[in-house]
Amino acid sequence: MILGVLIAITVPTCDVILRRSHQAEARSMLSASAHAQHDRDTGTDLACPASGERPHPTVRFPSAGC
């Protein structure tokens, strides 16, 4: 009986929490998408060009003919 009461109280609450989390996720993804599109359109997301020489690997990759 106690288990039934706990389930009756908990299940509707979980549904409300799940809906809120989906709404919050949708809002945050929309905001992130809008910022990414703005950065793309204005060119502020372009990385700085690489400078200096490329790092060399410290360990040689083994060849297939070993």
Foldseek 3Di string as FASTA:
>chain_A
DVVVVVCVVVVVVVVVVVVVVVVVVVVVVVVVVVVVVVCVVVVVPDDDDDDDDDDDDPDDDDDPVD
